[in-house]
C-alpha atoms as a PDB file:
ATOM      1  CA  UNK A   1       0.000   0.000   0.000  1.00  0.00           C
ATOM      2  CA  UNK A   2       2.714   2.454   0.974  1.00  0.00           C
ATOM      3  CA  UNK A   3       4.482   1.907  -2.375  1.00  0.00           C
ATOM      4  CA  UNK A   4       1.532   3.156  -4.408  1.00  0.00           C
ATOM      5  CA  UNK A   5       1.889   6.704  -5.775  1.00  0.00           C
ATOM      6  CA  UNK A   6      -0.244   9.133  -3.785  1.00  0.00           C
ATOM      7  CA  UNK A   7      -1.842  10.511  -6.972  1.00  0.00           C
ATOM      8  CA  UNK A   8      -2.965   7.014  -7.962  1.00  0.00           C
ATOM      9  CA  UNK A   9      -4.416   6.347  -4.510  1.00  0.00           C
ATOM     10  CA  UNK A  10      -6.345   9.622  -4.634  1.00  0.00           C
ATOM     11  CA  UNK A  11      -7.664   8.836  -8.124  1.00  0.00           C
ATOM     12  CA  UNK A  12      -8.912   5.389  -7.081  1.00  0.00           C
ATOM     13  CA  UNK A  13     -10.498   6.598  -3.847  1.00  0.00           C
ATOM     14  CA  UNK A  14     -12.175   9.473  -5.667  1.00  0.00           C
ATOM     15  CA  UNK A  15     -14.201   6.953  -7.702  1.00  0.00           C
ATOM     16  CA  UNK A  16     -15.625   5.128  -4.676  1.00  0.00           C
ATOM     17  CA  UNK A  17     -19.016   5.633  -3.095  1.00  0.00           C
ATOM     18  CA  UNK A  18     -19.253   7.551   0.173  1.00  0.00           C
ATOM     19  CA  UNK A  19     -20.076   4.339   2.036  1.00  0.00           C
ATOM     20  CA  UNK A  20     -16.911   2.634   0.781  1.00  0.00           C
ATOM     21  CA  UNK A  21     -14.842   5.736   1.506  1.00  0.00           C
ATOM     22  CA  UNK A  22     -15.907   5.595   5.145  1.00  0.00           C
ATOM     23  CA  UNK A  23     -14.592   2.026   5.338  1.00  0.00           C
ATOM     24  CA  UNK A  24     -11.329   3.107   3.675  1.00  0.00           C
ATOM     25  CA  UNK A  25     -10.739   5.697   6.408  1.00  0.00           C
ATOM     26  CA  UNK A  26      -9.969   2.792   8.739  1.00  0.00           C
ATOM     27  CA  UNK A  27      -7.269   1.269   6.515  1.00  0.00           C
ATOM     28  CA  UNK A  28      -4.404   3.565   7.536  1.00  0.00           C
ATOM     29  CA  UNK A  29      -3.688   7.078   8.789  1.00  0.00           C
ATOM     30  CA  UNK A  30      -2.522   8.445   5.400  1.00  0.00           C
ATOM     31  CA  UNK A  31      -5.807   7.348   3.799  1.00  0.00           C
ATOM     32  CA  UNK A  32      -7.812   8.861   6.637  1.00  0.00           C
ATOM     33  CA  UNK A  33      -5.958  12.164   6.235  1.00  0.00           C
ATOM     34  CA  UNK A  34      -6.513  12.117   2.473  1.00  0.00           C
ATOM     35  CA  UNK A  35     -10.237  11.320   2.692  1.00  0.00           C
ATOM     36  CA  UNK A  36     -10.786  14.014   5.339  1.00  0.00           C
ATOM     37  CA  UNK A  37      -8.919  16.643   3.324  1.00  0.00           C
ATOM     38  CA  UNK A  38     -11.284  19.419   2.066  1.00  0.00           C
ATOM     39  CA  UNK A  39      -9.663  19.419  -1.392  1.00  0.00           C
ATOM     40  CA  UNK A  40     -10.262  15.673  -1.756  1.00  0.00           C
ATOM     41  CA  UNK A  41     -13.873  16.040  -0.577  1.00  0.00           C
ATOM     42  CA  UNK A  42     -14.451  18.752  -3.183  1.00  0.00           C
ATOM     43  CA  UNK A  43     -12.833  16.593  -5.872  1.00  0.00           C
ATOM     44  CA  UNK A  44     -15.004  13.603  -4.908  1.00  0.00           C
ATOM     45  CA  UNK A  45     -18.160  15.737  -5.149  1.00  0.00           C
ATOM     46  CA  UNK A  46     -17.151  17.094  -8.569  1.00  0.00           C
ATOM     47  CA  UNK A  47     -16.473  13.550  -9.843  1.00  0.00           C
ATOM     48  CA  UNK A  48     -19.867  12.352  -8.596  1.00  0.00           C
ATOM     49  CA  UNK A  49     -21.620  15.251 -10.352  1.00  0.00           C
ATOM     50  CA  UNK A  50     -19.727  14.772 -13.631  1.00  0.00           C
ATOM     51  CA  UNK A  51     -20.379  11.015 -13.759  1.00  0.00           C
ATOM     52  CA  UNK A  52     -23.885  11.110 -12.210  1.00  0.00           C
ATOM     53  CA  UNK A  53     -22.718   8.529  -9.686  1.00  0.00           C
ATOM     54  CA  UNK A  54     -23.620   8.268  -5.992  1.00  0.00           C
ATOM     55  CA  UNK A  55     -27.162   9.352  -6.889  1.00  0.00           C
ATOM     56  CA  UNK A  56     -29.873   8.514  -4.387  1.00  0.00           C
ATOM     57  CA  UNK A  57     -33.459   9.629  -3.917  1.00  0.00           C
ATOM     58  CA  UNK A  58     -34.796  10.407  -0.463  1.00  0.00           C
ATOM     59  CA  UNK A  59     -38.437   9.375  -0.440  1.00  0.00           C
ATOM     60  CA  UNK A  60     -41.344  10.229   1.822  1.00  0.00           C
ATOM     61  CA  UNK A  61     -41.693  11.322   5.404  1.00  0.00           C
ATOM     62  CA  UNK A  62     -39.915   8.187   6.637  1.00  0.00           C
ATOM     63  CA  UNK A  63     -36.769   9.241   4.734  1.00  0.00           C
ATOM     64  CA  UNK A  64     -35.860   6.200   2.671  1.00  0.00           C
ATOM     65  CA  UNK A  65     -32.730   6.363   0.506  1.00  0.00           C
ATOM     66  CA  UNK A  66     -32.977   4.532  -2.831  1.00  0.00           C
ATOM     67  CA  UNK A  67     -30.352   4.140  -5.560  1.00  0.00           C
ATOM     68  CA  UNK A  68     -32.076   5.622  -8.606  1.00  0.00           C
ATOM     69  CA  UNK A  69     -30.695   3.229 -11.226  1.00  0.00           C
ATOM     70  CA  UNK A  70     -31.598   0.201  -9.132  1.00  0.00           C
ATOM     71  CA  UNK A  71     -34.739   1.339  -7.312  1.00  0.00           C
ATOM     72  CA  UNK A  72     -34.239  -1.667  -5.038  1.00  0.00           C
ATOM     73  CA  UNK A  73     -33.395  -2.260  -1.379  1.00  0.00           C
ATOM     74  CA  UNK A  74     -34.378   1.089   0.142  1.00  0.00           C
ATOM     75  CA  UNK A  75     -32.412   2.097   3.226  1.00  0.00           C
ATOM     76  CA  UNK A  76     -34.287   3.736   6.083  1.00  0.00           C
ATOM     77  CA  UNK A  77     -32.409   6.783   7.340  1.00  0.00           C
ATOM     78  CA  UNK A  78     -32.169   7.883  10.960  1.00  0.00           C
ATOM     79  CA  UNK A  79     -32.188  11.699  10.919  1.00  0.00           C
ATOM     80  CA  UNK A  80     -31.497  14.037  13.827  1.00  0.00           C
ATOM     81  CA  UNK A  81     -34.054  16.541  15.169  1.00  0.00           C
ATOM     82  CA  UNK A  82     -36.820  13.977  15.761  1.00  0.00           C
ATOM     83  CA  UNK A  83     -39.298  15.776  18.016  1.00  0.00           C
ATOM     84  CA  UNK A  84     -42.584  14.647  19.603  1.00  0.00           C
ATOM     85  CA  UNK A  85     -42.645  11.585  17.351  1.00  0.00           C
ATOM     86  CA  UNK A  86     -43.234  13.784  14.298  1.00  0.00           C
ATOM     87  CA  UNK A  87     -41.464  13.202  11.018  1.00  0.00           C
ATOM     88  CA  UNK A  88     -38.624  15.267   9.588  1.00  0.00           C
ATOM     89  CA  UNK A  89     -39.128  17.328   6.419  1.00  0.00           C
ATOM     90  CA  UNK A  90     -36.381  17.725   3.823  1.00  0.00           C
ATOM     91  CA  UNK A  91     -36.514  21.081   2.032  1.00  0.00           C
ATOM     92  CA  UNK A  92     -33.246  20.980   0.119  1.00  0.00           C
ATOM     93  CA  UNK A  93     -30.270  18.861  -0.892  1.00  0.00           C
ATOM     94  CA  UNK A  94     -26.878  19.749  -2.325  1.00  0.00           C
ATOM     95  CA  UNK A  95     -23.625  17.793  -2.730  1.00  0.00           C
ATOM     96  CA  UNK A  96     -24.778  15.003  -0.440  1.00  0.00           C
ATOM     97  CA  UNK A  97     -26.053  17.306   2.313  1.00  0.00           C
ATOM     98  CA  UNK A  98     -29.711  17.500   3.313  1.00  0.00           C
ATOM     99  CA  UNK A  99     -31.343  20.537   4.869  1.00  0.00           C
ATOM    100  CA  UNK A 100     -34.001  19.285   7.278  1.00  0.00           C
ATOM    101  CA  UNK A 101     -36.600  20.808   9.598  1.00  0.00           C
ATOM    102  CA  UNK A 102     -38.751  19.402  12.384  1.00  0.00           C
ATOM    103  CA  UNK A 103     -42.219  20.289  13.659  1.00  0.00           C
ATOM    104  CA  UNK A 104     -40.932  23.045  15.981  1.00  0.00           C
ATOM    105  CA  UNK A 105     -38.900  24.676  13.175  1.00  0.00           C
ATOM    106  CA  UNK A 106     -35.462  23.499  14.268  1.00  0.00           C
ATOM    107  CA  UNK A 107     -33.243  23.388  11.167  1.00  0.00           C
ATOM    108  CA  UNK A 108     -30.116  21.309  10.558  1.00  0.00           C
ATOM    109  CA  UNK A 109     -27.673  20.494   7.774  1.00  0.00           C
ATOM    110  CA  UNK A 110     -27.187  16.728   7.763  1.00  0.00           C
ATOM    111  CA  UNK A 111     -24.946  14.304   5.880  1.00  0.00           C
ATOM    112  CA  UNK A 112     -26.773  10.933   5.877  1.00  0.00           C
ATOM    113  CA  UNK A 113     -23.624   9.101   4.742  1.00  0.00           C
ATOM    114  CA  UNK A 114     -21.353  10.292   7.554  1.00  0.00           C
ATOM    115  CA  UNK A 115     -24.275  10.846   9.992  1.00  0.00           C
ATOM    116  CA  UNK A 116     -22.837  14.227  10.947  1.00  0.00           C
ATOM    117  CA  UNK A 117     -25.065  17.267  11.315  1.00  0.00           C
ATOM    118  CA  UNK A 118     -25.024  20.945  12.290  1.00  0.00           C
ATOM    119  CA  UNK A 119     -28.024  22.549  13.998  1.00  0.00           C
ATOM    120  CA  UNK A 120     -28.664  26.130  12.880  1.00  0.00           C
ATOM    121  CA  UNK A 121     -29.203  28.874  15.465  1.00  0.00           C
ATOM    122  CA  UNK A 122     -32.886  29.715  16.077  1.00  0.00           C
ATOM    123  CA  UNK A 123     -34.479  32.452  14.017  1.00  0.00           C
ATOM    124  CA  UNK A 124     -37.244  34.829  15.058  1.00  0.00           C
ATOM    125  CA  UNK A 125     -39.264  37.542  13.312  1.00  0.00           C
ATOM    126  CA  UNK A 126     -39.054  41.288  13.806  1.00  0.00           C
ATOM    127  CA  UNK A 127     -42.820  41.762  14.053  1.00  0.00           C
ATOM    128  CA  UNK A 128     -42.421  45.454  14.860  1.00  0.00           C
ATOM    129  CA  UNK A 129     -41.742  46.122  11.184  1.00  0.00           C
ATOM    130  CA  UNK A 130     -45.168  45.003  10.066  1.00  0.00           C
ATOM    131  CA  UNK A 131     -48.302  47.078  10.530  1.00  0.00           C
ATOM    132  CA  UNK A 132     -51.952  46.359   9.936  1.00  0.00           C
ATOM    133  CA  UNK A 133     -53.870  43.115  10.244  1.00  0.00           C
ATOM    134  CA  UNK A 134     -52.119  40.016   8.970  1.00  0.00           C
ATOM    135  CA  UNK A 135     -54.328  37.241   7.595  1.00  0.00           C
ATOM    136  CA  UNK A 136     -51.518  34.717   7.365  1.00  0.00           C
ATOM    137  CA  UNK A 137     -47.773  34.272   7.486  1.00  0.00           C
ATOM    138  CA  UNK A 138     -46.134  31.972   4.947  1.00  0.00           C
ATOM    139  CA  UNK A 139     -42.672  30.467   5.335  1.00  0.00           C
ATOM    140  CA  UNK A 140     -40.626  28.965   2.510  1.00  0.00           C
ATOM    141  CA  UNK A 141     -37.045  27.760   2.577  1.00  0.00           C
ATOM    142  CA  UNK A 142     -34.187  27.040   0.229  1.00  0.00           C
ATOM    143  CA  UNK A 143     -30.749  25.430   0.381  1.00  0.00           C
ATOM    144  CA  UNK A 144     -27.797  25.818  -1.986  1.00  0.00           C
ATOM    145  CA  UNK A 145     -24.042  26.055  -2.451  1.00  0.00           C
ATOM    146  CA  UNK A 146     -21.915  29.138  -3.138  1.00  0.00           C
ATOM    147  CA  UNK A 147     -18.777  27.841  -4.936  1.00  0.00           C
ATOM    148  CA  UNK A 148     -17.161  31.287  -5.064  1.00  0.00           C
ATOM    149  CA  UNK A 149     -16.910  31.274  -1.267  1.00  0.00           C
ATOM    150  CA  UNK A 150     -17.071  27.481  -0.765  1.00  0.00           C
ATOM    151  CA  UNK A 151     -20.089  28.044   1.454  1.00  0.00           C
ATOM    152  CA  UNK A 152     -23.461  26.389   1.974  1.00  0.00           C
ATOM    153  CA  UNK A 153     -26.412  28.717   2.513  1.00  0.00           C
ATOM    154  CA  UNK A 154     -29.928  28.315   3.872  1.00  0.00           C
ATOM    155  CA  UNK A 155     -32.652  30.816   2.947  1.00  0.00           C
ATOM    156  CA  UNK A 156     -35.884  31.521   4.807  1.00  0.00           C
ATOM    157  CA  UNK A 157     -38.554  33.771   3.305  1.00  0.00           C
ATOM    158  CA  UNK A 158     -41.357  34.899   5.620  1.00  0.00           C
ATOM    159  CA  UNK A 159     -44.245  36.527   3.777  1.00  0.00           C
ATOM    160  CA  UNK A 160     -47.010  38.432   5.564  1.00  0.00           C
ATOM    161  CA  UNK A 161     -50.330  38.737   3.738  1.00  0.00           C
ATOM    162  CA  UNK A 162     -52.777  41.451   4.796  1.00  0.00           C
ATOM    163  CA  UNK A 163     -56.523  41.150   5.264  1.00  0.00           C
ATOM    164  CA  UNK A 164     -58.372  40.482   1.987  1.00  0.00           C
ATOM    165  CA  UNK A 165     -54.963  40.215   0.298  1.00  0.00           C
ATOM    166  CA  UNK A 166     -54.697  43.989   0.060  1.00  0.00           C
ATOM    167  CA  UNK A 167     -50.956  44.004   0.687  1.00  0.00           C
ATOM    168  CA  UNK A 168     -48.025  41.734   1.444  1.00  0.00           C
ATOM    169  CA  UNK A 169     -44.543  42.130   2.891  1.00  0.00           C
ATOM    170  CA  UNK A 170     -41.559  39.804   3.007  1.00  0.00           C
ATOM    171  CA  UNK A 171     -38.536  39.181   5.186  1.00  0.00           C
ATOM    172  CA  UNK A 172     -35.593  37.254   3.696  1.00  0.00           C
ATOM    173  CA  UNK A 173     -32.901  35.742   5.923  1.00  0.00           C
ATOM    174  CA  UNK A 174     -29.777  33.867   4.785  1.00  0.00           C
ATOM    175  CA  UNK A 175     -27.678  31.526   6.922  1.00  0.00           C
ATOM    176  CA  UNK A 176     -24.006  31.007   6.021  1.00  0.00           C
ATOM    177  CA  UNK A 177     -22.440  27.734   7.156  1.00  0.00           C
ATOM    178  CA  UNK A 178     -18.984  29.270   6.850  1.00  0.00           C
ATOM    179  CA  UNK A 179     -19.860  32.277   9.024  1.00  0.00           C
ATOM    180  CA  UNK A 180     -22.271  30.277  11.234  1.00  0.00           C
ATOM    181  CA  UNK A 181     -24.817  33.092  11.438  1.00  0.00           C
ATOM    182  CA  UNK A 182     -28.004  34.496   9.891  1.00  0.00           C
ATOM    183  CA  UNK A 183     -28.223  37.847   8.137  1.00  0.00           C
ATOM    184  CA  UNK A 184     -31.030  39.772   6.522  1.00  0.00           C
ATOM    185  CA  UNK A 185     -30.879  40.655   2.822  1.00  0.00           C
ATOM    186  CA  UNK A 186     -33.102  42.718   0.537  1.00  0.00           C
ATOM    187  CA  UNK A 187     -36.840  42.024   0.626  1.00  0.00           C
ATOM    188  CA  UNK A 188     -38.498  39.965  -2.091  1.00  0.00           C
ATOM    189  CA  UNK A 189     -41.022  42.218  -3.844  1.00  0.00           C
ATOM    190  CA  UNK A 190     -42.943  39.311  -5.351  1.00  0.00           C
ATOM    191  CA  UNK A 191     -45.907  37.318  -4.092  1.00  0.00           C
ATOM    192  CA  UNK A 192     -45.327  33.594  -3.539  1.00  0.00           C
ATOM    193  CA  UNK A 193     -47.699  31.718  -5.840  1.00  0.00           C
ATOM    194  CA  UNK A 194     -47.385  28.414  -3.973  1.00  0.00           C
ATOM    195  CA  UNK A 195     -47.580  28.742  -0.211  1.00  0.00           C
ATOM    196  CA  UNK A 196     -45.147  26.396   1.453  1.00  0.00           C
ATOM    197  CA  UNK A 197     -43.363  25.371  -1.777  1.00  0.00           C
ATOM    198  CA  UNK A 198     -39.624  25.516  -1.069  1.00  0.00           C
ATOM    199  CA  UNK A 199     -36.954  26.857  -3.397  1.00  0.00           C
ATOM    200  CA  UNK A 200     -35.427  24.803  -6.218  1.00  0.00           C
ATOM    201  CA  UNK A 201     -31.627  24.974  -6.481  1.00  0.00           C
ATOM    202  CA  UNK A 202     -30.321  24.949 -10.064  1.00  0.00           C
ATOM    203  CA  UNK A 203     -27.599  26.773 -11.958  1.00  0.00           C
ATOM    204  CA  UNK A 204     -26.176  28.115  -8.711  1.00  0.00           C
ATOM    205  CA  UNK A 205     -29.393  29.894  -7.666  1.00  0.00           C
ATOM    206  CA  UNK A 206     -32.637  29.218  -5.807  1.00  0.00           C
ATOM    207  CA  UNK A 207     -35.961  29.542  -7.646  1.00  0.00           C
ATOM    208  CA  UNK A 208     -39.615  30.135  -6.764  1.00  0.00           C
ATOM    209  CA  UNK A 209     -42.809  30.596  -8.790  1.00  0.00           C
ATOM    210  CA  UNK A 210     -44.266  34.026  -7.982  1.00  0.00           C
ATOM    211  CA  UNK A 211     -46.616  36.753  -9.194  1.00  0.00           C
ATOM    212  CA  UNK A 212     -46.298  40.526  -8.940  1.00  0.00           C
ATOM    213  CA  UNK A 213     -49.188  40.713  -6.485  1.00  0.00           C
ATOM    214  CA  UNK A 214     -51.797  38.636  -4.631  1.00  0.00           C
ATOM    215  CA  UNK A 215     -54.395  39.056  -7.397  1.00  0.00           C
ATOM    216  CA  UNK A 216     -55.258  35.644  -8.794  1.00  0.00           C
ATOM    217  CA  UNK A 217     -55.063  36.906 -12.388  1.00  0.00           C
ATOM    218  CA  UNK A 218     -51.463  38.083 -12.094  1.00  0.00           C
ATOM    219  CA  UNK A 219     -49.059  36.415 -14.527  1.00  0.00           C
ATOM    220  CA  UNK A 220     -46.771  33.815 -13.023  1.00  0.00           C
ATOM    221  CA  UNK A 221     -43.015  34.307 -13.114  1.00  0.00           C
ATOM    222  CA  UNK A 222     -39.895  32.446 -12.061  1.00  0.00           C
ATOM    223  CA  UNK A 223     -37.572  34.433  -9.813  1.00  0.00           C
ATOM    224  CA  UNK A 224     -34.096  33.414  -8.726  1.00  0.00           C
ATOM    225  CA  UNK A 225     -32.055  34.332  -5.682  1.00  0.00           C
ATOM    226  CA  UNK A 226     -28.415  34.724  -6.669  1.00  0.00           C
ATOM    227  CA  UNK A 227     -26.202  32.663  -4.352  1.00  0.00           C
ATOM    228  CA  UNK A 228     -23.426  35.284  -4.171  1.00  0.00           C
ATOM    229  CA  UNK A 229     -25.019  38.695  -4.795  1.00  0.00           C
ATOM    230  CA  UNK A 230     -28.054  37.677  -2.730  1.00  0.00           C
ATOM    231  CA  UNK A 231     -30.589  39.573  -4.821  1.00  0.00           C
ATOM    232  CA  UNK A 232     -33.707  38.515  -6.739  1.00  0.00           C
ATOM    233  CA  UNK A 233     -33.955  38.392 -10.524  1.00  0.00           C
ATOM    234  CA  UNK A 234     -36.587  37.274 -13.017  1.00  0.00           C
ATOM    235  CA  UNK A 235     -35.701  34.206 -15.080  1.00  0.00           C
ATOM    236  CA  UNK A 236     -36.508  34.387 -18.823  1.00  0.00           C
ATOM    237  CA  UNK A 237     -39.100  31.845 -19.945  1.00  0.00           C
ATOM    238  CA  UNK A 238     -39.330  29.937 -23.251  1.00  0.00           C
ATOM    239  CA  UNK A 239     -40.518  31.951 -26.228  1.00  0.00           C
ATOM    240  CA  UNK A 240     -43.870  31.500 -27.969  1.00  0.00           C
ATOM    241  CA  UNK A 241     -45.530  29.687 -25.083  1.00  0.00           C
ATOM    242  CA  UNK A 242     -49.287  29.644 -24.621  1.00  0.00           C
ATOM    243  CA  UNK A 243     -49.737  31.586 -21.361  1.00  0.00           C
ATOM    244  CA  UNK A 244     -52.878  29.691 -20.344  1.00  0.00           C
ATOM    245  CA  UNK A 245     -51.125  27.258 -18.000  1.00  0.00           C
ATOM    246  CA  UNK A 246     -50.116  26.760 -14.407  1.00  0.00           C
ATOM    247  CA  UNK A 247     -46.398  26.669 -13.695  1.00  0.00           C
ATOM    248  CA  UNK A 248     -43.964  24.607 -11.666  1.00  0.00           C
ATOM    249  CA  UNK A 249     -40.166  24.508 -11.457  1.00  0.00           C
ATOM    250  CA  UNK A 250     -37.696  21.726 -10.779  1.00  0.00           C
ATOM    251  CA  UNK A 251     -34.128  20.651 -11.467  1.00  0.00           C
ATOM    252  CA  UNK A 252     -32.682  17.886 -13.630  1.00  0.00           C
ATOM    253  CA  UNK A 253     -28.917  17.340 -13.836  1.00  0.00           C
ATOM    254  CA  UNK A 254     -28.366  20.782 -12.311  1.00  0.00           C
ATOM    255  CA  UNK A 255     -30.438  22.379 -15.079  1.00  0.00           C
ATOM    256  CA  UNK A 256     -33.518  24.430 -14.294  1.00  0.00           C
ATOM    257  CA  UNK A 257     -36.714  22.931 -15.678  1.00  0.00           C
ATOM    258  CA  UNK A 258     -40.174  24.385 -16.121  1.00  0.00           C
ATOM    259  CA  UNK A 259     -43.386  22.369 -16.011  1.00  0.00           C
ATOM    260  CA  UNK A 260     -46.376  23.835 -17.836  1.00  0.00           C
ATOM    261  CA  UNK A 261     -49.686  22.358 -16.646  1.00  0.00           C
ATOM    262  CA  UNK A 262     -52.408  22.961 -19.257  1.00  0.00           C
ATOM    263  CA  UNK A 263     -55.835  22.396 -17.720  1.00  0.00           C
ATOM    264  CA  UNK A 264     -57.344  19.037 -18.776  1.00  0.00           C
ATOM    265  CA  UNK A 265     -54.940  18.885 -21.702  1.00  0.00           C
ATOM    266  CA  UNK A 266     -51.267  18.083 -21.129  1.00  0.00           C
ATOM    267  CA  UNK A 267     -48.108  18.700 -19.127  1.00  0.00           C
ATOM    268  CA  UNK A 268     -44.979  19.987 -20.908  1.00  0.00           C
ATOM    269  CA  UNK A 269     -41.502  19.762 -19.408  1.00  0.00           C
ATOM    270  CA  UNK A 270     -38.881  22.311 -20.528  1.00  0.00           C
ATOM    271  CA  UNK A 271     -35.159  22.270 -19.690  1.00  0.00           C
ATOM    272  CA  UNK A 272     -32.874  25.338 -19.633  1.00  0.00           C
ATOM    273  CA  UNK A 273     -29.622  23.820 -20.927  1.00  0.00           C
ATOM    274  CA  UNK A 274     -27.561  27.001 -20.432  1.00  0.00           C
ATOM    275  CA  UNK A 275     -28.573  28.780 -17.277  1.00  0.00           C
ATOM    276  CA  UNK A 276     -29.925  32.291 -17.809  1.00  0.00           C
ATOM    277  CA  UNK A 277     -29.975  31.969 -21.622  1.00  0.00           C
ATOM    278  CA  UNK A 278     -33.542  32.287 -22.907  1.00  0.00           C
ATOM    279  CA  UNK A 279     -32.820  30.573 -26.225  1.00  0.00           C
ATOM    280  CA  UNK A 280     -31.438  27.493 -24.458  1.00  0.00           C
ATOM    281  CA  UNK A 281     -34.902  26.331 -23.314  1.00  0.00           C
ATOM    282  CA  UNK A 282     -35.703  22.953 -24.876  1.00  0.00           C
ATOM    283  CA  UNK A 283     -38.937  20.970 -24.522  1.00  0.00           C
ATOM    284  CA  UNK A 284     -38.078  17.448 -23.411  1.00  0.00           C
ATOM    285  CA  UNK A 285     -41.501  15.813 -23.578  1.00  0.00           C
ATOM    286  CA  UNK A 286     -45.252  16.219 -23.144  1.00  0.00           C
ATOM    287  CA  UNK A 287     -47.654  14.012 -21.196  1.00  0.00           C
ATOM    288  CA  UNK A 288     -51.201  14.044 -22.567  1.00  0.00           C
ATOM    289  CA  UNK A 289     -52.841  12.026 -19.777  1.00  0.00           C
ATOM    290  CA  UNK A 290     -53.001  14.978 -17.387  1.00  0.00           C
ATOM    291  CA  UNK A 291     -54.885  13.737 -14.335  1.00  0.00           C
ATOM    292  CA  UNK A 292     -52.418  11.065 -13.129  1.00  0.00           C
ATOM    293  CA  UNK A 293     -49.472  13.394 -13.792  1.00  0.00           C
ATOM    294  CA  UNK A 294     -50.835  16.706 -12.559  1.00  0.00           C
ATOM    295  CA  UNK A 295     -48.376  18.715 -10.448  1.00  0.00           C
ATOM    296  CA  UNK A 296     -45.414  16.460 -11.026  1.00  0.00           C
ATOM    297  CA  UNK A 297     -41.985  17.550  -9.891  1.00  0.00           C
ATOM    298  CA  UNK A 298     -38.990  15.997 -11.683  1.00  0.00           C
ATOM    299  CA  UNK A 299     -36.380  14.359  -9.457  1.00  0.00           C
ATOM    300  CA  UNK A 300     -33.773  12.780 -11.720  1.00  0.00           C
ATOM    301  CA  UNK A 301     -32.945  11.135 -15.030  1.00  0.00           C
ATOM    302  CA  UNK A 302     -31.662   7.587 -15.277  1.00  0.00           C
ATOM    303  CA  UNK A 303     -28.102   7.222 -16.570  1.00  0.00           C
ATOM    304  CA  UNK A 304     -29.473   6.228 -19.982  1.00  0.00           C
ATOM    305  CA  UNK A 305     -31.437   9.486 -20.117  1.00  0.00           C
ATOM    306  CA  UNK A 306     -34.570   7.629 -21.257  1.00  0.00           C
ATOM    307  CA  UNK A 307     -36.357   7.610 -17.914  1.00  0.00           C
ATOM    308  CA  UNK A 308     -37.398  10.538 -15.754  1.00  0.00           C
ATOM    309  CA  UNK A 309     -38.337   9.992 -12.122  1.00  0.00           C
ATOM    310  CA  UNK A 310     -40.924  12.459 -10.787  1.00  0.00           C
ATOM    311  CA  UNK A 311     -42.730  13.027  -7.519  1.00  0.00           C
ATOM    312  CA  UNK A 312     -46.348  14.049  -7.173  1.00  0.00           C
ATOM    313  CA  UNK A 313     -48.005  15.839  -4.256  1.00  0.00           C
ATOM    314  CA  UNK A 314     -51.765  15.667  -3.779  1.00  0.00           C
ATOM    315  CA  UNK A 315     -54.101  16.484  -0.940  1.00  0.00           C
ATOM    316  CA  UNK A 316     -54.353  12.844   0.084  1.00  0.00           C
ATOM    317  CA  UNK A 317     -50.931  11.467  -0.763  1.00  0.00           C
ATOM    318  CA  UNK A 318     -47.517  13.060  -0.401  1.00  0.00           C
ATOM    319  CA  UNK A 319     -44.459  11.957  -2.279  1.00  0.00           C
ATOM    320  CA  UNK A 320     -45.860   9.514  -4.831  1.00  0.00           C
ATOM    321  CA  UNK A 321     -43.083   8.469  -7.241  1.00  0.00           C
ATOM    322  CA  UNK A 322     -43.655   8.124 -10.975  1.00  0.00           C
ATOM    323  CA  UNK A 323     -41.214   6.775 -13.557  1.00  0.00           C
ATOM    324  CA  UNK A 324     -41.788   8.268 -17.024  1.00  0.00           C
ATOM    325  CA  UNK A 325     -40.120   6.710 -20.077  1.00  0.00           C
ATOM    326  CA  UNK A 326     -39.696   8.873 -23.144  1.00  0.00           C
END
């Protein structure tokens, strides 16, 4: 073992799964030091992304991990933050880390492979800023990675909606894992179209479906929160689209995707191949049988690219998994 070139050892270890890497840490001290090195960890993540390896799907409130290409032998995960026998909710994943929340709004960043986690400091609201009668308060979250600063960030948007939807205000807070603290950034001057729908991380930004105001007839838009500049921008949509549809967003292979739900007609799935470039939108497929596939959210492609795994949320069933071949 000691006679092997260090570059060769690093190359071989970089191709292993996280589970096997954890076993390799016990082989010898040099291997442990290599595997724990931040540069090696970053290299291992980049290799996994490039090769679409180490891909798992976390399913349902019981948090089962399933290898996507096998879809066999699910592994039940044991997350932290279990409270009052309630289940844990996952509202984001990035580079093998899960951002989870329990029933009393404790938030943690958790690595299911290493079983390590960091609990975020509690966060309150500055209610003195908001005047008038508030009909409801909506919270949405997001989780992403800032490669420029090698930092993981958690976003919480609290939106206050006035009586009869006459006005709304927002408070946006960002947690930095590197700095270990929350900070407030500019307000989001858009109305959240889906209450409780968390942000989608793609192309280095978080995304939500919004409107310009609470009026039900307002046109729907996609806005992004830039990971580094921490400001909101509108995302260009595909050209020549029929506007008579409901909208959803998702991510496939780190590309932003748009789902257009045409009432009692079809569902179209679009992929933005070059982030931020309007002309790079490409329609992947349409599903004409709308009812079974209404409000799908894409999760992943198979390695062959011929199968798309989607989740569906309904009022009576959360987290149904559909496999679409195209």
